[in-house]
Amino acid sequence: MSRFTRICIITGGMILLLTVIVVGGAIWLGVGAFGVSPMQSEDHAGTPTSVGSTNTNVPTTSPTQPDTVGRVDVELDTPEDGSLPDLTPREGEHPLARTLAWAKRELPRVKQIPGYSAMFTKRETIHGELGETTQMFLKIRHQPLSIYLRYEVPQKNKGVEAIYLETPDTPSGKGKMWGHGVGLERIIGTLELDPYGKIAMLGQKYPITTIGILKMLNLLIEVGSKDTAYGECEVAFAPDMVWNGRHCAEVVVTHPVKRDYFVFYRAIIRVDLETHLPVFYQAYNWPEAEGGAPPLIEEFYYEDVQLLDQLTDEDFDTKNPGYHFP
């Protein structure tokens, strides 16, 4: 082998190595767009971990459980016109009792929904910094849990796609995930990812396994159930308001006093009056100063929800001709 040939081989190898490093670094920075979810995160074993307050400037009062917090188990009327029952708190009841009773009553119905598509928007605080708005189109099948998503906003992530897939025998939260980046990142192709791994979670607060309206309803029940053990809770109910062109009922929950066991100062939940699905969640921290504006912790909402009975395996296949997996 001539000296010239050896030099060419060595130079080519160095260029190839440099390309792999650059592209790999781009993917490491980019595919973290795959982690999404409302309200809570999960550890690698799939155990939910409640979101906590991010405002450390407000003094926290030591936990003290009031002697009387009000009745929790209540019975709701069923309006004949199909509207939501009146969730306004009653005397002698915990302020959250009616909202919690409605959520528990709706849970079996939502579980029976085969699937849906929607535009999902999120914004969340990570390490004390409120991130930019992210929006994606998604399809979700409930049984077995299957998720397809495609990023629309921000522009740098537009076209990023990911699929999470479980089988009937897969333990909850233990499915497989695939994703691809855009631009330079597409050179690497489609990657199989750990949904809870560093790449999928880079720049994200929650993993893909916690996305969806059913997850949101479950977590509202979990957080609300914990809050009913304590007082210092105010609930306001608006039976009909318009949000993004949709008629919704709105529940606003406020904890005036910051306590260790409360995870937000104020939460706003909106329920679509046509589908009776919770489609909007927004949580705020306690104001840094009396009379100040409460800082946003996170918000998640679903628009253009289309209930679908015929989602198939092809909808969650990287080889789907309607998708753009490399």
Foldseek 3Di string as FASTA:
>chain_A
DDPVVVVVVVVVVVVVVVLCVVLVVVLLQFLLVQFDAPQWAADLVRDTDGAADPDPLDDADEDDFDPAQAAQDDDFDQDPVLFDTDLQDDPRHHSCNSVLVSLVVCLVVVLPQQKKKWKKKKWAADNNRTDDIWIWIKIFGVVVTKIKIATDPDPQFHQKIKIWDDHNPRDQPRTKMKIFGDDSRCVVFIDIDRQNDSSNNPVHDHGPSRHDQSSVSVVVSVLSVQPSSHHQKDKDWDRWDADPNFTWIKIKIARCHHHPSHRAGIKIWIAGRVVRTTFKIWGFHDDSDVPDDTHTRMIMGTHPIGRDDDDDVLVRDLPNPVGDGD
